[in-house]
Amino acid sequence: MAKKVAVLMTDMVEDSEFTTPKDTIVEAGYEVDVISPDGKDVTGKNGGNFEAQASVADANPEDYDALLVPGGFSPDILRGDAEDRPAKFASHFLETDKPVFAICHGPQFLIDTGLLKGRNLTSVKNVKTDLINAGADWEDKSVIVDKNLITSRTPDDFDDFTQAISETLK
């Protein structure tokens, strides 16, 4: 059975925050499936078009070995789901200690899982207060690995973020 990583994202994702980690994940021997709220293809902030393999309602988190949550405006849009389906999907990974990779605004989306209390993480600075208010311990570092949760700030930190992803997926 193939090793697979789910990417939870929707329109207005920061293109490079999907493509750069995705390339690292593929190089590590994993398949990558884009999971969007409605199963429709995703259009990035910079014009990229990314094919979705499933909707969040149809995807089974148990079929995946890890989760990637790229930034941009996508994480905020995911939080608007009336039934909290994206958060329920992401919760599986945090609860079962499967790797979760989140960059930029991605950690902000994880607030909706209710599972960040006491977790060490980083993000883009403008969501720092939201994460602290959710009980997370926020630090201004290029990458933070807290057990199965790997977070990073911005594309400027790709070298450290992708190295942490590679080490985690060995």
C-alpha atoms as a PDB file:
ATOM      1  CA  MET A   1       0.000   0.000   0.000  1.00  0.00           C
ATOM      2  CA  ALA A   2       1.340   3.410  -0.975  1.00  0.00           C
ATOM      3  CA  LYS A   3       2.310   5.926   1.673  1.00  0.00           C
ATOM      4  CA  LYS A   4       0.137   9.018   1.323  1.00  0.00           C
ATOM      5  CA  VAL A   5      -0.001  12.565   2.628  1.00  0.00           C
ATOM      6  CA  ALA A   6      -3.216  14.599   2.582  1.00  0.00           C
ATOM      7  CA  VAL A   7      -3.017  18.310   1.812  1.00  0.00           C
ATOM      8  CA  LEU A   8      -5.952  20.217   3.225  1.00  0.00           C
ATOM      9  CA  MET A   9      -6.417  23.418   1.237  1.00  0.00           C
ATOM     10  CA  THR A  10      -8.762  25.554  -0.802  1.00  0.00           C
ATOM     11  CA  ASP A  11      -8.654  28.605  -3.061  1.00  0.00           C
ATOM     12  CA  MET A  12      -6.258  31.420  -2.178  1.00  0.00           C
ATOM     13  CA  VAL A  13      -3.629  29.015  -0.886  1.00  0.00           C
ATOM     14  CA  GLU A  14      -0.099  30.420  -1.043  1.00  0.00           C
ATOM     15  CA  ASP A  15       1.154  28.508  -4.088  1.00  0.00           C
ATOM     16  CA  SER A  16       4.737  27.952  -2.927  1.00  0.00           C
ATOM     17  CA  GLU A  17       3.607  26.841   0.531  1.00  0.00           C
ATOM     18  CA  PHE A  18       1.921  23.928  -1.227  1.00  0.00           C
ATOM     19  CA  THR A  19       4.364  23.173  -4.043  1.00  0.00           C
ATOM     20  CA  THR A  20       7.657  23.311  -2.107  1.00  0.00           C
ATOM     21  CA  PRO A  21       6.613  20.990   0.762  1.00  0.00           C
ATOM     22  CA  LYS A  22       4.779  18.779  -1.758  1.00  0.00           C
ATOM     23  CA  ASP A  23       7.992  18.291  -3.738  1.00  0.00           C
ATOM     24  CA  THR A  24       9.797  17.312  -0.518  1.00  0.00           C
ATOM     25  CA  ILE A  25       7.041  14.851   0.380  1.00  0.00           C
ATOM     26  CA  VAL A  26       7.138  13.266  -3.090  1.00  0.00           C
ATOM     27  CA  GLU A  27      10.947  13.016  -2.914  1.00  0.00           C
ATOM     28  CA  ALA A  28      10.493  11.118   0.371  1.00  0.00           C
ATOM     29  CA  GLY A  29       8.445   8.510  -1.512  1.00  0.00           C
ATOM     30  CA  TYR A  30       4.934   9.562  -0.591  1.00  0.00           C
ATOM     31  CA  GLU A  31       1.901  10.219  -2.771  1.00  0.00           C
ATOM     32  CA  VAL A  32       0.146  13.548  -2.232  1.00  0.00           C
ATOM     33  CA  ASP A  33      -3.630  14.031  -2.358  1.00  0.00           C
ATOM     34  CA  VAL A  34      -5.196  17.482  -2.314  1.00  0.00           C
ATOM     35  CA  ILE A  35      -8.336  17.487  -0.185  1.00  0.00           C
ATOM     36  CA  SER A  36     -10.550  20.517  -0.770  1.00  0.00           C
ATOM     37  CA  PRO A  37     -13.840  21.390   0.930  1.00  0.00           C
ATOM     38  CA  ASP A  38     -15.946  20.473  -2.106  1.00  0.00           C
ATOM     39  CA  GLY A  39     -13.559  18.282  -4.089  1.00  0.00           C
ATOM     40  CA  LYS A  40     -13.082  20.992  -6.701  1.00  0.00           C
ATOM     41  CA  ASP A  41      -9.670  22.006  -7.988  1.00  0.00           C
ATOM     42  CA  VAL A  42      -7.902  24.747  -6.048  1.00  0.00           C
ATOM     43  CA  THR A  43      -6.703  28.086  -7.427  1.00  0.00           C
ATOM     44  CA  GLY A  44      -3.700  29.555  -5.664  1.00  0.00           C
ATOM     45  CA  LYS A  45      -3.135  33.211  -4.731  1.00  0.00           C
ATOM     46  CA  ASN A  46      -0.518  33.442  -7.473  1.00  0.00           C
ATOM     47  CA  GLY A  47      -2.604  31.733 -10.157  1.00  0.00           C
ATOM     48  CA  GLY A  48      -1.604  28.101  -9.739  1.00  0.00           C
ATOM     49  CA  ASN A  49      -4.249  25.479 -10.478  1.00  0.00           C
ATOM     50  CA  PHE A  50      -4.059  22.382  -8.307  1.00  0.00           C
ATOM     51  CA  GLU A  51      -6.112  19.260  -8.907  1.00  0.00           C
ATOM     52  CA  ALA A  52      -8.088  17.997  -5.926  1.00  0.00           C
ATOM     53  CA  GLN A  53      -8.365  14.258  -5.427  1.00  0.00           C
ATOM     54  CA  ALA A  54     -11.293  14.336  -2.969  1.00  0.00           C
ATOM     55  CA  SER A  55     -13.636  16.485  -0.936  1.00  0.00           C
ATOM     56  CA  VAL A  56     -13.129  16.665   2.798  1.00  0.00           C
ATOM     57  CA  ALA A  57     -16.482  14.877   3.238  1.00  0.00           C
ATOM     58  CA  ASP A  58     -15.363  11.956   1.056  1.00  0.00           C
ATOM     59  CA  ALA A  59     -11.763  11.662   2.233  1.00  0.00           C
ATOM     60  CA  ASN A  60     -10.947   9.257   5.057  1.00  0.00           C
ATOM     61  CA  PRO A  61      -8.115  10.559   7.255  1.00  0.00           C
ATOM     62  CA  GLU A  62      -7.251   6.964   8.191  1.00  0.00           C
ATOM     63  CA  ASP A  63      -6.065   6.475   4.588  1.00  0.00           C
ATOM     64  CA  TYR A  64      -3.234   8.990   5.100  1.00  0.00           C
ATOM     65  CA  ASP A  65       0.090   8.881   6.910  1.00  0.00           C
ATOM     66  CA  ALA A  66       0.474  12.653   7.395  1.00  0.00           C
ATOM     67  CA  LEU A  67      -1.212  16.013   6.793  1.00  0.00           C
ATOM     68  CA  LEU A  68       0.062  19.247   5.216  1.00  0.00           C
ATOM     69  CA  VAL A  69      -1.749  22.558   5.811  1.00  0.00           C
ATOM     70  CA  PRO A  70      -0.243  25.302   3.619  1.00  0.00           C
ATOM     71  CA  GLY A  71      -0.879  28.977   4.282  1.00  0.00           C
ATOM     72  CA  GLY A  72      -2.206  31.933   2.375  1.00  0.00           C
ATOM     73  CA  PHE A  73      -5.888  32.744   2.845  1.00  0.00           C
ATOM     74  CA  SER A  74      -6.845  29.070   2.497  1.00  0.00           C
ATOM     75  CA  PRO A  75      -6.619  28.243   6.242  1.00  0.00           C
ATOM     76  CA  ASP A  76      -9.035  31.048   7.112  1.00  0.00           C
ATOM     77  CA  ILE A  77     -11.474  29.921   4.411  1.00  0.00           C
ATOM     78  CA  LEU A  78     -11.284  26.328   5.706  1.00  0.00           C
ATOM     79  CA  ARG A  79     -12.306  27.613   9.143  1.00  0.00           C
ATOM     80  CA  GLY A  80     -15.582  28.875   7.656  1.00  0.00           C
ATOM     81  CA  ASP A  81     -16.990  25.388   7.012  1.00  0.00           C
ATOM     82  CA  ALA A  82     -20.426  25.264   8.668  1.00  0.00           C
ATOM     83  CA  GLU A  83     -19.967  21.647   9.775  1.00  0.00           C
ATOM     84  CA  ASP A  84     -16.284  21.968  10.789  1.00  0.00           C
ATOM     85  CA  ARG A  85     -15.422  19.110   8.414  1.00  0.00           C
ATOM     86  CA  PRO A  86     -11.847  20.310   7.725  1.00  0.00           C
ATOM     87  CA  ALA A  87     -11.132  20.635  11.463  1.00  0.00           C
ATOM     88  CA  LYS A  88     -12.559  17.176  12.162  1.00  0.00           C
ATOM     89  CA  PHE A  89     -10.393  15.761   9.359  1.00  0.00           C
ATOM     90  CA  ALA A  90      -7.259  17.460  10.752  1.00  0.00           C
ATOM     91  CA  SER A  91      -8.062  16.393  14.327  1.00  0.00           C
ATOM     92  CA  HIS A  92      -7.491  12.760  13.374  1.00  0.00           C
ATOM     93  CA  PHE A  93      -3.803  13.427  12.665  1.00  0.00           C
ATOM     94  CA  LEU A  94      -3.154  15.289  15.913  1.00  0.00           C
ATOM     95  CA  GLU A  95      -5.064  12.720  17.986  1.00  0.00           C
ATOM     96  CA  THR A  96      -3.305   9.701  16.439  1.00  0.00           C
ATOM     97  CA  ASP A  97       0.192  11.234  16.460  1.00  0.00           C
ATOM     98  CA  LYS A  98       0.495  11.233  12.674  1.00  0.00           C
ATOM     99  CA  PRO A  99       2.722  14.033  11.332  1.00  0.00           C
ATOM    100  CA  VAL A 100       1.088  17.405  10.737  1.00  0.00           C
ATOM    101  CA  PHE A 101       3.028  19.995   8.714  1.00  0.00           C
ATOM    102  CA  ALA A 102       1.658  23.560   8.845  1.00  0.00           C
ATOM    103  CA  ILE A 103       3.220  26.777   7.575  1.00  0.00           C
ATOM    104  CA  CYS A 104       2.397  30.478   7.719  1.00  0.00           C
ATOM    105  CA  HIS A 105      -1.373  30.753   8.459  1.00  0.00           C
ATOM    106  CA  GLY A 106      -1.738  26.951   8.489  1.00  0.00           C
ATOM    107  CA  PRO A 107      -1.301  26.677  12.276  1.00  0.00           C
ATOM    108  CA  GLN A 108      -4.148  29.192  12.725  1.00  0.00           C
ATOM    109  CA  PHE A 109      -6.516  26.745  11.023  1.00  0.00           C
ATOM    110  CA  LEU A 110      -5.496  24.080  13.567  1.00  0.00           C
ATOM    111  CA  ILE A 111      -7.049  26.198  16.346  1.00  0.00           C
ATOM    112  CA  ASP A 112     -10.411  24.785  15.242  1.00  0.00           C
ATOM    113  CA  THR A 113      -9.303  21.274  16.229  1.00  0.00           C
ATOM    114  CA  GLY A 114      -9.195  22.356  19.865  1.00  0.00           C
ATOM    115  CA  LEU A 115      -5.944  20.399  20.195  1.00  0.00           C
ATOM    116  CA  LEU A 116      -3.264  23.100  20.395  1.00  0.00           C
ATOM    117  CA  LYS A 117      -3.281  23.722  24.155  1.00  0.00           C
ATOM    118  CA  GLY A 118       0.254  23.240  25.469  1.00  0.00           C
ATOM    119  CA  ARG A 119       1.713  22.586  22.000  1.00  0.00           C
ATOM    120  CA  ASN A 120       4.892  24.408  20.953  1.00  0.00           C
ATOM    121  CA  LEU A 121       4.632  25.974  17.526  1.00  0.00           C
ATOM    122  CA  THR A 122       5.382  28.874  15.249  1.00  0.00           C
ATOM    123  CA  SER A 123       3.553  30.652  12.442  1.00  0.00           C
ATOM    124  CA  VAL A 124       3.486  33.910  10.581  1.00  0.00           C
ATOM    125  CA  LYS A 125       3.613  36.567  13.289  1.00  0.00           C
ATOM    126  CA  ASN A 126       0.195  38.114  12.632  1.00  0.00           C
ATOM    127  CA  VAL A 127      -1.633  34.995  13.943  1.00  0.00           C
ATOM    128  CA  LYS A 128       0.584  34.679  17.028  1.00  0.00           C
ATOM    129  CA  THR A 129      -2.050  36.091  19.404  1.00  0.00           C
ATOM    130  CA  ASP A 130      -4.760  33.755  18.080  1.00  0.00           C
ATOM    131  CA  LEU A 131      -2.520  30.757  18.712  1.00  0.00           C
ATOM    132  CA  ILE A 132      -1.541  31.914  22.205  1.00  0.00           C
ATOM    133  CA  ASN A 133      -5.212  32.518  23.037  1.00  0.00           C
ATOM    134  CA  ALA A 134      -5.879  28.914  21.936  1.00  0.00           C
ATOM    135  CA  GLY A 135      -3.356  27.747  24.540  1.00  0.00           C
ATOM    136  CA  ALA A 136      -0.358  27.148  22.280  1.00  0.00           C
ATOM    137  CA  ASP A 137       3.179  28.132  23.226  1.00  0.00           C
ATOM    138  CA  TRP A 138       4.281  30.313  20.290  1.00  0.00           C
ATOM    139  CA  GLU A 139       7.907  31.058  19.430  1.00  0.00           C
ATOM    140  CA  ASP A 140       9.441  33.105  16.629  1.00  0.00           C
ATOM    141  CA  LYS A 141      11.598  30.387  15.036  1.00  0.00           C
ATOM    142  CA  SER A 142      12.022  29.143  11.483  1.00  0.00           C
ATOM    143  CA  VAL A 143      10.667  25.700  12.369  1.00  0.00           C
ATOM    144  CA  ILE A 144       9.410  24.014  15.522  1.00  0.00           C
ATOM    145  CA  VAL A 145       9.002  20.275  15.896  1.00  0.00           C
ATOM    146  CA  ASP A 146       6.690  19.358  18.781  1.00  0.00           C
ATOM    147  CA  LYS A 147       6.251  15.582  18.609  1.00  0.00           C
ATOM    148  CA  ASN A 148       4.098  15.069  15.484  1.00  0.00           C
ATOM    149  CA  LEU A 149       3.394  18.793  14.877  1.00  0.00           C
ATOM    150  CA  ILE A 150       5.896  20.551  12.610  1.00  0.00           C
ATOM    151  CA  THR A 151       5.277  24.262  12.035  1.00  0.00           C
ATOM    152  CA  SER A 152       7.055  27.034  10.185  1.00  0.00           C
ATOM    153  CA  ARG A 153       6.646  30.772   9.607  1.00  0.00           C
ATOM    154  CA  THR A 154       6.978  31.725   5.933  1.00  0.00           C
ATOM    155  CA  PRO A 155       8.561  30.709   2.623  1.00  0.00           C
ATOM    156  CA  ASP A 156      11.787  32.306   3.886  1.00  0.00           C
ATOM    157  CA  ASP A 157      12.023  29.265   6.184  1.00  0.00           C
ATOM    158  CA  PHE A 158      11.536  26.581   3.513  1.00  0.00           C
ATOM    159  CA  ASP A 159      15.017  25.112   3.997  1.00  0.00           C
ATOM    160  CA  ASP A 160      14.384  24.336   7.675  1.00  0.00           C
ATOM    161  CA  PHE A 161      10.732  23.352   7.122  1.00  0.00           C
ATOM    162  CA  THR A 162      11.434  20.944   4.278  1.00  0.00           C
ATOM    163  CA  GLN A 163      14.382  19.432   6.184  1.00  0.00           C
ATOM    164  CA  ALA A 164      12.066  18.764   9.152  1.00  0.00           C
ATOM    165  CA  ILE A 165       9.496  17.218   6.808  1.00  0.00           C
ATOM    166  CA  SER A 166      12.153  14.971   5.227  1.00  0.00           C
ATOM    167  CA  GLU A 167      13.435  13.833   8.630  1.00  0.00           C
ATOM    168  CA  THR A 168       9.910  13.120   9.843  1.00  0.00           C
ATOM    169  CA  LEU A 169       8.970  11.059   6.780  1.00  0.00           C
ATOM    170  CA  LYS A 170      12.112   8.829   6.841  1.00  0.00           C
END
